[in-house]
Every structure is written in C-alpha cells, then in structure tokens.
Amino acid sequence: MNLSHHQTDGQLVVTVKQPRIDAVVAIQFKDRMRELSALGPDRIVLDLGEVAFIDSSGLGAIVAAMKQLDDSQRLDLAALTPTVAKVFRLTRMDTIFTIYPDVPAAFARQAG
C-alpha cells in the first residue's frame, strides 16, 4: 500500500498514492495507517484525491483506521473523487467523517 505523509502545523496529511482501496490492499492500508497514526498528531487528514475506486473492504479499512485512533485524535477526509464520494454518500459514511473538497480546505477550516 503506497501512502505518503507529511506533517504541517502539527497535523498529519496522509496521501493514498494508489487508484484503488479494495480487498487486495485493505489490510495493508489499516496496518500502515496504524503506524502513521502512532506518530501522534491530534488530527490526521486522509487525502483520497488519487483514489478512483473504493469497495466495501476499502471503506471498512478507513473506518477501522478511524477506530484505532487514540481518543485525542481524529481522522478527516479530503479530495474525494466523485466515485469515492458516492460510496461515502450511499453508505452514509459522509455523516461519520468530516469531508473537505481538498487538503487546503481542510487546513483553512481548521485555522478558521
């Protein structure tokens, strides 16, 4: 699972560098997110801008990544492609996660 990450203003931005989050990579995604969340920032922004497809396993992996965070941490999502955004709407996961149109919007909202 190819994820890149960087910290900005005490927040961790994790970018998924693959076109799919599906059953093939779901466990790897969860494990990698566990490693990255251990870096400790209170807020993690997951950039899904390069993800064109997500299945139920991928969605479950993102939910699992959120649930494995410490109580002081939160996971926000950014840059959902139309297909991925539709999956979040259909499953009502858009009511569970805070979703931003892109990473700069997530930071602007945090600052404001």
PDB file of N, CA and C in Angstrom:
ATOM      1  N   MET A   1       0.862  -1.179   0.000  1.00  0.00           N
ATOM      2  CA  MET A   1       0.000   0.000   0.000  1.00  0.00           C
ATOM      3  C   MET A   1       0.892   1.221   0.000  1.00  0.00           C
ATOM      4  N   ASN A   2       0.749   2.032  -0.975  1.00  0.00           N
ATOM      5  CA  ASN A   2       1.603   3.196  -1.132  1.00  0.00           C
ATOM      6  C   ASN A   2       0.919   4.435  -0.536  1.00  0.00           C
ATOM      7  N   LEU A   3       1.404   4.845   0.626  1.00  0.00           N
ATOM      8  CA  LEU A   3       0.920   6.056   1.289  1.00  0.00           C
ATOM      9  C   LEU A   3       2.104   6.988   1.494  1.00  0.00           C
ATOM     10  N   SER A   4       1.905   8.255   1.185  1.00  0.00           N
ATOM     11  CA  SER A   4       2.928   9.240   1.534  1.00  0.00           C
ATOM     12  C   SER A   4       2.361  10.079   2.666  1.00  0.00           C
ATOM     13  N   HIS A   5       3.238  10.713   3.422  1.00  0.00           N
ATOM     14  CA  HIS A   5       2.757  11.526   4.538  1.00  0.00           C
ATOM     15  C   HIS A   5       3.726  12.659   4.831  1.00  0.00           C
ATOM     16  N   HIS A   6       3.170  13.712   5.406  1.00  0.00           N
ATOM     17  CA  HIS A   6       3.975  14.823   5.905  1.00  0.00           C
ATOM     18  C   HIS A   6       3.200  15.529   7.012  1.00  0.00           C
ATOM     19  N   GLN A   7       3.935  16.169   7.888  1.00  0.00           N
ATOM     20  CA  GLN A   7       3.288  16.931   8.957  1.00  0.00           C
ATOM     21  C   GLN A   7       3.348  18.410   8.624  1.00  0.00           C
ATOM     22  N   THR A   8       2.238  19.086   8.852  1.00  0.00           N
ATOM     23  CA  THR A   8       2.127  20.516   8.644  1.00  0.00           C
ATOM     24  C   THR A   8       1.328  21.093   9.794  1.00  0.00           C
ATOM     25  N   ASP A   9       1.870  22.102  10.437  1.00  0.00           N
ATOM     26  CA  ASP A   9       1.155  22.765  11.546  1.00  0.00           C
ATOM     27  C   ASP A   9       0.650  21.763  12.582  1.00  0.00           C
ATOM     28  N   GLY A  10       1.466  20.767  12.892  1.00  0.00           N
ATOM     29  CA  GLY A  10       1.085  19.795  13.906  1.00  0.00           C
ATOM     30  C   GLY A  10       0.003  18.823  13.474  1.00  0.00           C
ATOM     31  N   GLN A  11      -0.273  18.766  12.180  1.00  0.00           N
ATOM     32  CA  GLN A  11      -1.273  17.852  11.649  1.00  0.00           C
ATOM     33  C   GLN A  11      -0.600  16.933  10.643  1.00  0.00           C
ATOM     34  N   LEU A  12      -1.082  15.720  10.564  1.00  0.00           N
ATOM     35  CA  LEU A  12      -0.511  14.739   9.650  1.00  0.00           C
ATOM     36  C   LEU A  12      -1.400  14.620   8.421  1.00  0.00           C
ATOM     37  N   VAL A  13      -0.801  14.792   7.254  1.00  0.00           N
ATOM     38  CA  VAL A  13      -1.510  14.583   5.995  1.00  0.00           C
ATOM     39  C   VAL A  13      -1.005  13.267   5.411  1.00  0.00           C
ATOM     40  N   VAL A  14      -1.928  12.347   5.179  1.00  0.00           N
ATOM     41  CA  VAL A  14      -1.604  11.062   4.581  1.00  0.00           C
ATOM     42  C   VAL A  14      -2.271  11.022   3.211  1.00  0.00           C
ATOM     43  N   THR A  15      -1.470  10.810   2.177  1.00  0.00           N
ATOM     44  CA  THR A  15      -1.985  10.757   0.809  1.00  0.00           C
ATOM     45  C   THR A  15      -1.902   9.324   0.299  1.00  0.00           C
ATOM     46  N   VAL A  16      -3.044   8.821  -0.157  1.00  0.00           N
ATOM     47  CA  VAL A  16      -3.081   7.486  -0.750  1.00  0.00           C
ATOM     48  C   VAL A  16      -2.582   7.628  -2.183  1.00  0.00           C
ATOM     49  N   LYS A  17      -1.505   6.932  -2.510  1.00  0.00           N
ATOM     50  CA  LYS A  17      -0.860   7.050  -3.814  1.00  0.00           C
ATOM     51  C   LYS A  17      -1.193   5.850  -4.706  1.00  0.00           C
ATOM     52  N   GLN A  18      -2.438   5.405  -4.628  1.00  0.00           N
ATOM     53  CA  GLN A  18      -2.905   4.284  -5.441  1.00  0.00           C
ATOM     54  C   GLN A  18      -4.312   4.593  -5.933  1.00  0.00           C
ATOM     55  N   PRO A  19      -4.700   4.034  -7.074  1.00  0.00           N
ATOM     56  CA  PRO A  19      -6.028   4.328  -7.611  1.00  0.00           C
ATOM     57  C   PRO A  19      -7.165   3.554  -6.951  1.00  0.00           C
ATOM     58  N   ARG A  20      -6.829   2.553  -6.128  1.00  0.00           N
ATOM     59  CA  ARG A  20      -7.874   1.716  -5.533  1.00  0.00           C
ATOM     60  C   ARG A  20      -7.577   1.425  -4.063  1.00  0.00           C
ATOM     61  N   ILE A  21      -8.631   1.435  -3.255  1.00  0.00           N
ATOM     62  CA  ILE A  21      -8.563   0.857  -1.913  1.00  0.00           C
ATOM     63  C   ILE A  21      -9.634  -0.225  -1.914  1.00  0.00           C
ATOM     64  N   ASP A  22      -9.178  -1.465  -2.012  1.00  0.00           N
ATOM     65  CA  ASP A  22     -10.107  -2.585  -2.132  1.00  0.00           C
ATOM     66  C   ASP A  22      -9.624  -3.751  -1.282  1.00  0.00           C
ATOM     67  N   ALA A  23     -10.251  -4.884  -1.441  1.00  0.00           N
ATOM     68  CA  ALA A  23      -9.933  -6.052  -0.614  1.00  0.00           C
ATOM     69  C   ALA A  23      -8.467  -6.464  -0.725  1.00  0.00           C
ATOM     70  N   VAL A  24      -7.859  -6.202  -1.860  1.00  0.00           N
ATOM     71  CA  VAL A  24      -6.468  -6.594  -2.073  1.00  0.00           C
ATOM     72  C   VAL A  24      -5.519  -5.840  -1.142  1.00  0.00           C
ATOM     73  N   VAL A  25      -5.824  -4.573  -0.862  1.00  0.00           N
ATOM     74  CA  VAL A  25      -4.898  -3.741  -0.077  1.00  0.00           C
ATOM     75  C   VAL A  25      -5.463  -3.283   1.265  1.00  0.00           C
ATOM     76  N   ALA A  26      -6.679  -3.680   1.604  1.00  0.00           N
ATOM     77  CA  ALA A  26      -7.344  -3.163   2.806  1.00  0.00           C
ATOM     78  C   ALA A  26      -6.547  -3.421   4.085  1.00  0.00           C
ATOM     79  N   ILE A  27      -6.031  -4.607   4.258  1.00  0.00           N
ATOM     80  CA  ILE A  27      -5.280  -4.933   5.480  1.00  0.00           C
ATOM     81  C   ILE A  27      -3.982  -4.139   5.526  1.00  0.00           C
ATOM     82  N   GLN A  28      -3.307  -4.029   4.386  1.00  0.00           N
ATOM     83  CA  GLN A  28      -2.080  -3.228   4.325  1.00  0.00           C
ATOM     84  C   GLN A  28      -2.378  -1.769   4.663  1.00  0.00           C
ATOM     85  N   PHE A  29      -3.496  -1.255   4.147  1.00  0.00           N
ATOM     86  CA  PHE A  29      -3.891   0.127   4.431  1.00  0.00           C
ATOM     87  C   PHE A  29      -4.086   0.329   5.934  1.00  0.00           C
ATOM     88  N   LYS A  30      -4.852  -0.568   6.562  1.00  0.00           N
ATOM     89  CA  LYS A  30      -5.101  -0.467   8.007  1.00  0.00           C
ATOM     90  C   LYS A  30      -3.801  -0.492   8.802  1.00  0.00           C
ATOM     91  N   ASP A  31      -2.921  -1.422   8.461  1.00  0.00           N
ATOM     92  CA  ASP A  31      -1.653  -1.544   9.180  1.00  0.00           C
ATOM     93  C   ASP A  31      -0.800  -0.296   9.009  1.00  0.00           C
ATOM     94  N   ARG A  32      -0.738   0.207   7.798  1.00  0.00           N
ATOM     95  CA  ARG A  32       0.076   1.412   7.538  1.00  0.00           C
ATOM     96  C   ARG A  32      -0.518   2.628   8.256  1.00  0.00           C
ATOM     97  N   MET A  33      -1.832   2.740   8.260  1.00  0.00           N
ATOM     98  CA  MET A  33      -2.467   3.855   8.972  1.00  0.00           C
ATOM     99  C   MET A  33      -2.215   3.756  10.476  1.00  0.00           C
ATOM    100  N   ARG A  34      -2.183   2.547  11.012  1.00  0.00           N
ATOM    101  CA  ARG A  34      -1.871   2.367  12.434  1.00  0.00           C
ATOM    102  C   ARG A  34      -0.464   2.892  12.720  1.00  0.00           C
ATOM    103  N   GLU A  35       0.486   2.539  11.868  1.00  0.00           N
ATOM    104  CA  GLU A  35       1.868   3.017  12.034  1.00  0.00           C
ATOM    105  C   GLU A  35       1.928   4.545  11.986  1.00  0.00           C
ATOM    106  N   LEU A  36       1.259   5.121  11.003  1.00  0.00           N
ATOM    107  CA  LEU A  36       1.321   6.574  10.832  1.00  0.00           C
ATOM    108  C   LEU A  36       0.602   7.311  11.959  1.00  0.00           C
ATOM    109  N   SER A  37      -0.519   6.791  12.418  1.00  0.00           N
ATOM    110  CA  SER A  37      -1.250   7.470  13.496  1.00  0.00           C
ATOM    111  C   SER A  37      -0.473   7.428  14.798  1.00  0.00           C
ATOM    112  N   ALA A  38       0.433   6.463  14.919  1.00  0.00           N
ATOM    113  CA  ALA A  38       1.280   6.389  16.114  1.00  0.00           C
ATOM    114  C   ALA A  38       2.258   7.563  16.184  1.00  0.00           C
ATOM    115  N   LEU A  39       2.411   8.308  15.078  1.00  0.00           N
ATOM    116  CA  LEU A  39       3.272   9.498  15.085  1.00  0.00           C
ATOM    117  C   LEU A  39       2.713  10.574  16.017  1.00  0.00           C
ATOM    118  N   GLY A  40       1.411  10.470  16.316  1.00  0.00           N
ATOM    119  CA  GLY A  40       0.853  11.231  17.408  1.00  0.00           C
ATOM    120  C   GLY A  40       0.128  12.536  17.192  1.00  0.00           C
ATOM    121  N   PRO A  41       0.019  13.097  16.000  1.00  0.00           N
ATOM    122  CA  PRO A  41      -0.722  14.358  15.931  1.00  0.00           C
ATOM    123  C   PRO A  41      -2.197  14.138  16.257  1.00  0.00           C
ATOM    124  N   ASP A  42      -2.842  15.190  16.755  1.00  0.00           N
ATOM    125  CA  ASP A  42      -4.262  15.085  17.114  1.00  0.00           C
ATOM    126  C   ASP A  42      -5.160  14.950  15.895  1.00  0.00           C
ATOM    127  N   ARG A  43      -4.698  15.480  14.774  1.00  0.00           N
ATOM    128  CA  ARG A  43      -5.532  15.460  13.572  1.00  0.00           C
ATOM    129  C   ARG A  43      -4.775  14.839  12.412  1.00  0.00           C
ATOM    130  N   ILE A  44      -5.466  13.930  11.739  1.00  0.00           N
ATOM    131  CA  ILE A  44      -4.925  13.298  10.534  1.00  0.00           C
ATOM    132  C   ILE A  44      -5.902  13.597   9.399  1.00  0.00           C
ATOM    133  N   VAL A  45      -5.363  14.114   8.306  1.00  0.00           N
ATOM    134  CA  VAL A  45      -6.167  14.368   7.117  1.00  0.00           C
ATOM    135  C   VAL A  45      -5.770  13.322   6.078  1.00  0.00           C
ATOM    136  N   LEU A  46      -6.736  12.521   5.667  1.00  0.00           N
ATOM    137  CA  LEU A  46      -6.504  11.482   4.670  1.00  0.00           C
ATOM    138  C   LEU A  46      -6.893  12.032   3.302  1.00  0.00           C
ATOM    139  N   ASP A  47      -5.896  12.213   2.443  1.00  0.00           N
ATOM    140  CA  ASP A  47      -6.084  12.757   1.098  1.00  0.00           C
ATOM    141  C   ASP A  47      -6.376  11.603   0.146  1.00  0.00           C
ATOM    142  N   LEU A  48      -7.605  11.555  -0.352  1.00  0.00           N
ATOM    143  CA  LEU A  48      -8.039  10.480  -1.243  1.00  0.00           C
ATOM    144  C   LEU A  48      -8.132  10.930  -2.698  1.00  0.00           C
ATOM    145  N   GLY A  49      -7.465  12.013  -3.034  1.00  0.00           N
ATOM    146  CA  GLY A  49      -7.555  12.601  -4.363  1.00  0.00           C
ATOM    147  C   GLY A  49      -7.095  11.713  -5.504  1.00  0.00           C
ATOM    148  N   GLU A  50      -6.251  10.738  -5.232  1.00  0.00           N
ATOM    149  CA  GLU A  50      -5.760   9.841  -6.284  1.00  0.00           C
ATOM    150  C   GLU A  50      -6.519   8.516  -6.320  1.00  0.00           C
ATOM    151  N   VAL A  51      -7.511   8.365  -5.441  1.00  0.00           N
ATOM    152  CA  VAL A  51      -8.265   7.109  -5.352  1.00  0.00           C
ATOM    153  C   VAL A  51      -9.510   7.209  -6.230  1.00  0.00           C
ATOM    154  N   ALA A  52      -9.555   6.378  -7.258  1.00  0.00           N
ATOM    155  CA  ALA A  52     -10.685   6.391  -8.186  1.00  0.00           C
ATOM    156  C   ALA A  52     -11.750   5.358  -7.827  1.00  0.00           C
ATOM    157  N   PHE A  53     -11.370   4.365  -6.994  1.00  0.00           N
ATOM    158  CA  PHE A  53     -12.306   3.276  -6.673  1.00  0.00           C
ATOM    159  C   PHE A  53     -12.094   2.834  -5.236  1.00  0.00           C
ATOM    160  N   ILE A  54     -13.208   2.583  -4.565  1.00  0.00           N
ATOM    161  CA  ILE A  54     -13.157   2.011  -3.219  1.00  0.00           C
ATOM    162  C   ILE A  54     -14.302   1.013  -3.109  1.00  0.00           C
ATOM    163  N   ASP A  55     -14.018  -0.149  -2.526  1.00  0.00           N
ATOM    164  CA  ASP A  55     -15.081  -1.129  -2.310  1.00  0.00           C
ATOM    165  C   ASP A  55     -15.392  -1.210  -0.816  1.00  0.00           C
ATOM    166  N   SER A  56     -16.246  -2.147  -0.445  1.00  0.00           N
ATOM    167  CA  SER A  56     -16.648  -2.233   0.962  1.00  0.00           C
ATOM    168  C   SER A  56     -15.467  -2.556   1.875  1.00  0.00           C
ATOM    169  N   SER A  57     -14.518  -3.330   1.397  1.00  0.00           N
ATOM    170  CA  SER A  57     -13.323  -3.623   2.202  1.00  0.00           C
ATOM    171  C   SER A  57     -12.494  -2.365   2.416  1.00  0.00           C
ATOM    172  N   GLY A  58     -12.358  -1.561   1.380  1.00  0.00           N
ATOM    173  CA  GLY A  58     -11.628  -0.298   1.499  1.00  0.00           C
ATOM    174  C   GLY A  58     -12.322   0.667   2.439  1.00  0.00           C
ATOM    175  N   LEU A  59     -13.640   0.748   2.325  1.00  0.00           N
ATOM    176  CA  LEU A  59     -14.406   1.598   3.225  1.00  0.00           C
ATOM    177  C   LEU A  59     -14.250   1.117   4.664  1.00  0.00           C
ATOM    178  N   GLY A  60     -14.332  -0.195   4.850  1.00  0.00           N
ATOM    179  CA  GLY A  60     -14.138  -0.764   6.180  1.00  0.00           C
ATOM    180  C   GLY A  60     -12.758  -0.476   6.734  1.00  0.00           C
ATOM    181  N   ALA A  61     -11.752  -0.474   5.860  1.00  0.00           N
ATOM    182  CA  ALA A  61     -10.385  -0.191   6.296  1.00  0.00           C
ATOM    183  C   ALA A  61     -10.243   1.257   6.766  1.00  0.00           C
ATOM    184  N   ILE A  62     -10.926   2.184   6.092  1.00  0.00           N
ATOM    185  CA  ILE A  62     -10.881   3.586   6.515  1.00  0.00           C
ATOM    186  C   ILE A  62     -11.590   3.755   7.856  1.00  0.00           C
ATOM    187  N   VAL A  63     -12.732   3.098   8.011  1.00  0.00           N
ATOM    188  CA  VAL A  63     -13.446   3.140   9.296  1.00  0.00           C
ATOM    189  C   VAL A  63     -12.578   2.528  10.398  1.00  0.00           C
ATOM    190  N   ALA A  64     -11.929   1.418  10.107  1.00  0.00           N
ATOM    191  CA  ALA A  64     -11.050   0.771  11.094  1.00  0.00           C
ATOM    192  C   ALA A  64      -9.891   1.692  11.465  1.00  0.00           C
ATOM    193  N   ALA A  65      -9.363   2.414  10.479  1.00  0.00           N
ATOM    194  CA  ALA A  65      -8.271   3.361  10.752  1.00  0.00           C
ATOM    195  C   ALA A  65      -8.743   4.449  11.715  1.00  0.00           C
ATOM    196  N   MET A  66      -9.983   4.889  11.540  1.00  0.00           N
ATOM    197  CA  MET A  66     -10.543   5.895  12.444  1.00  0.00           C
ATOM    198  C   MET A  66     -10.718   5.314  13.850  1.00  0.00           C
ATOM    199  N   LYS A  67     -11.216   4.092  13.937  1.00  0.00           N
ATOM    200  CA  LYS A  67     -11.494   3.485  15.237  1.00  0.00           C
ATOM    201  C   LYS A  67     -10.230   3.143  16.021  1.00  0.00           C
ATOM    202  N   GLN A  68      -9.117   2.953  15.342  1.00  0.00           N
ATOM    203  CA  GLN A  68      -7.889   2.608  16.045  1.00  0.00           C
ATOM    204  C   GLN A  68      -7.134   3.836  16.556  1.00  0.00           C
ATOM    205  N   LEU A  69      -7.652   5.031  16.310  1.00  0.00           N
ATOM    206  CA  LEU A  69      -7.017   6.245  16.803  1.00  0.00           C
ATOM    207  C   LEU A  69      -7.220   6.387  18.305  1.00  0.00           C
ATOM    208  N   ASP A  70      -6.306   7.110  18.938  1.00  0.00           N
ATOM    209  CA  ASP A  70      -6.485   7.461  20.350  1.00  0.00           C
ATOM    210  C   ASP A  70      -7.675   8.386  20.490  1.00  0.00           C
ATOM    211  N   ASP A  71      -8.194   8.504  21.695  1.00  0.00           N
ATOM    212  CA  ASP A  71      -9.343   9.379  21.945  1.00  0.00           C
ATOM    213  C   ASP A  71      -9.067  10.829  21.576  1.00  0.00           C
ATOM    214  N   SER A  72      -7.805  11.255  21.662  1.00  0.00           N
ATOM    215  CA  SER A  72      -7.460  12.650  21.375  1.00  0.00           C
ATOM    216  C   SER A  72      -7.260  12.907  19.881  1.00  0.00           C
ATOM    217  N   GLN A  73      -7.274  11.860  19.078  1.00  0.00           N
ATOM    218  CA  GLN A  73      -7.022  12.010  17.643  1.00  0.00           C
ATOM    219  C   GLN A  73      -8.320  11.953  16.844  1.00  0.00           C
ATOM    220  N   ARG A  74      -8.280  12.577  15.653  1.00  0.00           N
ATOM    221  CA  ARG A  74      -9.413  12.449  14.744  1.00  0.00           C
ATOM    222  C   ARG A  74      -8.913  12.326  13.313  1.00  0.00           C
ATOM    223  N   LEU A  75      -9.721  11.699  12.482  1.00  0.00           N
ATOM    224  CA  LEU A  75      -9.406  11.472  11.081  1.00  0.00           C
ATOM    225  C   LEU A  75     -10.413  12.221  10.223  1.00  0.00           C
ATOM    226  N   ASP A  76      -9.912  13.144   9.413  1.00  0.00           N
ATOM    227  CA  ASP A  76     -10.745  13.858   8.452  1.00  0.00           C
ATOM    228  C   ASP A  76     -10.348  13.400   7.056  1.00  0.00           C
ATOM    229  N   LEU A  77     -11.265  13.533   6.105  1.00  0.00           N
ATOM    230  CA  LEU A  77     -11.017  13.107   4.732  1.00  0.00           C
ATOM    231  C   LEU A  77     -11.014  14.318   3.810  1.00  0.00           C
ATOM    232  N   ALA A  78     -10.225  14.219   2.741  1.00  0.00           N
ATOM    233  CA  ALA A  78     -10.155  15.324   1.787  1.00  0.00           C
ATOM    234  C   ALA A  78     -10.025  14.791   0.366  1.00  0.00           C
ATOM    235  N   ALA A  79     -10.527  15.573  -0.577  1.00  0.00           N
ATOM    236  CA  ALA A  79     -10.328  15.375  -2.019  1.00  0.00           C
ATOM    237  C   ALA A  79     -10.917  14.073  -2.541  1.00  0.00           C
ATOM    238  N   LEU A  80     -12.109  13.723  -2.098  1.00  0.00           N
ATOM    239  CA  LEU A  80     -12.751  12.512  -2.598  1.00  0.00           C
ATOM    240  C   LEU A  80     -13.119  12.698  -4.065  1.00  0.00           C
ATOM    241  N   THR A  81     -12.756  11.728  -4.881  1.00  0.00           N
ATOM    242  CA  THR A  81     -13.167  11.749  -6.278  1.00  0.00           C
ATOM    243  C   THR A  81     -14.674  11.476  -6.322  1.00  0.00           C
ATOM    244  N   PRO A  82     -15.347  11.810  -7.427  1.00  0.00           N
ATOM    245  CA  PRO A  82     -16.807  11.617  -7.469  1.00  0.00           C
ATOM    246  C   PRO A  82     -17.262  10.189  -7.163  1.00  0.00           C
ATOM    247  N   THR A  83     -16.560   9.201  -7.680  1.00  0.00           N
ATOM    248  CA  THR A  83     -16.952   7.809  -7.435  1.00  0.00           C
ATOM    249  C   THR A  83     -16.796   7.445  -5.961  1.00  0.00           C
ATOM    250  N   VAL A  84     -15.702   7.861  -5.362  1.00  0.00           N
ATOM    251  CA  VAL A  84     -15.466   7.575  -3.947  1.00  0.00           C
ATOM    252  C   VAL A  84     -16.477   8.342  -3.078  1.00  0.00           C
ATOM    253  N   ALA A  85     -16.726   9.592  -3.419  1.00  0.00           N
ATOM    254  CA  ALA A  85     -17.704  10.388  -2.671  1.00  0.00           C
ATOM    255  C   ALA A  85     -19.088   9.730  -2.717  1.00  0.00           C
ATOM    256  N   LYS A  86     -19.434   9.148  -3.857  1.00  0.00           N
ATOM    257  CA  LYS A  86     -20.735   8.474  -3.988  1.00  0.00           C
ATOM    258  C   LYS A  86     -20.832   7.290  -3.029  1.00  0.00           C
ATOM    259  N   VAL A  87     -19.748   6.516  -2.894  1.00  0.00           N
ATOM    260  CA  VAL A  87     -19.735   5.383  -1.960  1.00  0.00           C
ATOM    261  C   VAL A  87     -19.957   5.882  -0.529  1.00  0.00           C
ATOM    262  N   PHE A  88     -19.296   6.973  -0.174  1.00  0.00           N
ATOM    263  CA  PHE A  88     -19.475   7.526   1.179  1.00  0.00           C
ATOM    264  C   PHE A  88     -20.903   8.016   1.387  1.00  0.00           C
ATOM    265  N   ARG A  89     -21.515   8.622   0.376  1.00  0.00           N
ATOM    266  CA  ARG A  89     -22.903   9.077   0.494  1.00  0.00           C
ATOM    267  C   ARG A  89     -23.865   7.900   0.603  1.00  0.00           C
ATOM    268  N   LEU A  90     -23.708   6.906  -0.267  1.00  0.00           N
ATOM    269  CA  LEU A  90     -24.625   5.762  -0.285  1.00  0.00           C
ATOM    270  C   LEU A  90     -24.591   4.965   1.013  1.00  0.00           C
ATOM    271  N   THR A  91     -23.437   4.915   1.643  1.00  0.00           N
ATOM    272  CA  THR A  91     -23.300   4.163   2.897  1.00  0.00           C
ATOM    273  C   THR A  91     -23.506   5.047   4.122  1.00  0.00           C
ATOM    274  N   ARG A  92     -23.780   6.318   3.881  1.00  0.00           N
ATOM    275  CA  ARG A  92     -23.990   7.322   4.938  1.00  0.00           C
ATOM    276  C   ARG A  92     -22.724   7.556   5.775  1.00  0.00           C
ATOM    277  N   MET A  93     -21.598   7.139   5.290  1.00  0.00           N
ATOM    278  CA  MET A  93     -20.333   7.391   5.986  1.00  0.00           C
ATOM    279  C   MET A  93     -19.953   8.875   5.906  1.00  0.00           C
ATOM    280  N   ASP A  94     -20.614   9.593   4.996  1.00  0.00           N
ATOM    281  CA  ASP A  94     -20.376  11.039   4.929  1.00  0.00           C
ATOM    282  C   ASP A  94     -20.942  11.749   6.159  1.00  0.00           C
ATOM    283  N   THR A  95     -21.757  11.051   6.957  1.00  0.00           N
ATOM    284  CA  THR A  95     -22.249  11.625   8.210  1.00  0.00           C
ATOM    285  C   THR A  95     -21.322  11.299   9.379  1.00  0.00           C
ATOM    286  N   ILE A  96     -20.404  10.371   9.178  1.00  0.00           N
ATOM    287  CA  ILE A  96     -19.468   9.954  10.223  1.00  0.00           C
ATOM    288  C   ILE A  96     -18.167  10.749  10.147  1.00  0.00           C
ATOM    289  N   PHE A  97     -17.697  10.964   8.920  1.00  0.00           N
ATOM    290  CA  PHE A  97     -16.437  11.666   8.699  1.00  0.00           C
ATOM    291  C   PHE A  97     -16.688  13.116   8.312  1.00  0.00           C
ATOM    292  N   THR A  98     -15.757  13.987   8.681  1.00  0.00           N
ATOM    293  CA  THR A  98     -15.746  15.340   8.138  1.00  0.00           C
ATOM    294  C   THR A  98     -14.976  15.259   6.831  1.00  0.00           C
ATOM    295  N   ILE A  99     -15.615  15.714   5.752  1.00  0.00           N
ATOM    296  CA  ILE A  99     -15.037  15.599   4.414  1.00  0.00           C
ATOM    297  C   ILE A  99     -14.848  16.993   3.832  1.00  0.00           C
ATOM    298  N   TYR A 100     -13.648  17.237   3.324  1.00  0.00           N
ATOM    299  CA  TYR A 100     -13.302  18.520   2.724  1.00  0.00           C
ATOM    300  C   TYR A 100     -13.050  18.342   1.233  1.00  0.00           C
ATOM    301  N   PRO A 101     -13.296  19.390   0.434  1.00  0.00           N
ATOM    302  CA  PRO A 101     -13.090  19.269  -1.014  1.00  0.00           C
ATOM    303  C   PRO A 101     -11.631  19.027  -1.400  1.00  0.00           C
ATOM    304  N   ASP A 102     -10.699  19.515  -0.570  1.00  0.00           N
ATOM    305  CA  ASP A 102      -9.274  19.290  -0.823  1.00  0.00           C
ATOM    306  C   ASP A 102      -8.506  19.547   0.470  1.00  0.00           C
ATOM    307  N   VAL A 103      -7.216  19.248   0.460  1.00  0.00           N
ATOM    308  CA  VAL A 103      -6.397  19.402   1.667  1.00  0.00           C
ATOM    309  C   VAL A 103      -6.301  20.865   2.109  1.00  0.00           C
ATOM    310  N   PRO A 104      -6.082  21.824   1.184  1.00  0.00           N
ATOM    311  CA  PRO A 104      -6.047  23.224   1.645  1.00  0.00           C
ATOM    312  C   PRO A 104      -7.340  23.654   2.350  1.00  0.00           C
ATOM    313  N   ALA A 105      -8.477  23.167   1.874  1.00  0.00           N
ATOM    314  CA  ALA A 105      -9.756  23.491   2.532  1.00  0.00           C
ATOM    315  C   ALA A 105      -9.808  22.915   3.944  1.00  0.00           C
ATOM    316  N   ALA A 106      -9.245  21.730   4.117  1.00  0.00           N
ATOM    317  CA  ALA A 106      -9.211  21.112   5.453  1.00  0.00           C
ATOM    318  C   ALA A 106      -8.375  21.969   6.407  1.00  0.00           C
ATOM    319  N   PHE A 107      -7.274  22.495   5.910  1.00  0.00           N
ATOM    320  CA  PHE A 107      -6.420  23.346   6.758  1.00  0.00           C
ATOM    321  C   PHE A 107      -7.057  24.709   6.991  1.00  0.00           C
ATOM    322  N   ALA A 108      -7.727  25.258   5.989  1.00  0.00           N
ATOM    323  CA  ALA A 108      -8.400  26.549   6.146  1.00  0.00           C
ATOM    324  C   ALA A 108      -9.502  26.447   7.179  1.00  0.00           C
ATOM    325  N   ARG A 109     -10.236  25.366   7.171  1.00  0.00           N
ATOM    326  CA  ARG A 109     -11.324  25.148   8.128  1.00  0.00           C
ATOM    327  C   ARG A 109     -10.754  24.999   9.541  1.00  0.00           C
ATOM    328  N   GLN A 110      -9.633  24.291   9.650  1.00  0.00           N
ATOM    329  CA  GLN A 110      -9.006  24.088  10.948  1.00  0.00           C
ATOM    330  C   GLN A 110      -8.545  25.424  11.523  1.00  0.00           C
ATOM    331  N   ALA A 111      -8.010  26.293  10.679  1.00  0.00           N
ATOM    332  CA  ALA A 111      -7.472  27.572  11.145  1.00  0.00           C
ATOM    333  C   ALA A 111      -8.590  28.549  11.479  1.00  0.00           C
ATOM    334  N   GLY A 112      -9.739  28.401  10.802  1.00  0.00           N
ATOM    335  CA  GLY A 112     -10.806  29.378  10.934  1.00  0.00           C
ATOM    336  C   GLY A 112     -11.771  29.129  12.003  1.00  0.00           C
TER     337      GLY A 112
END
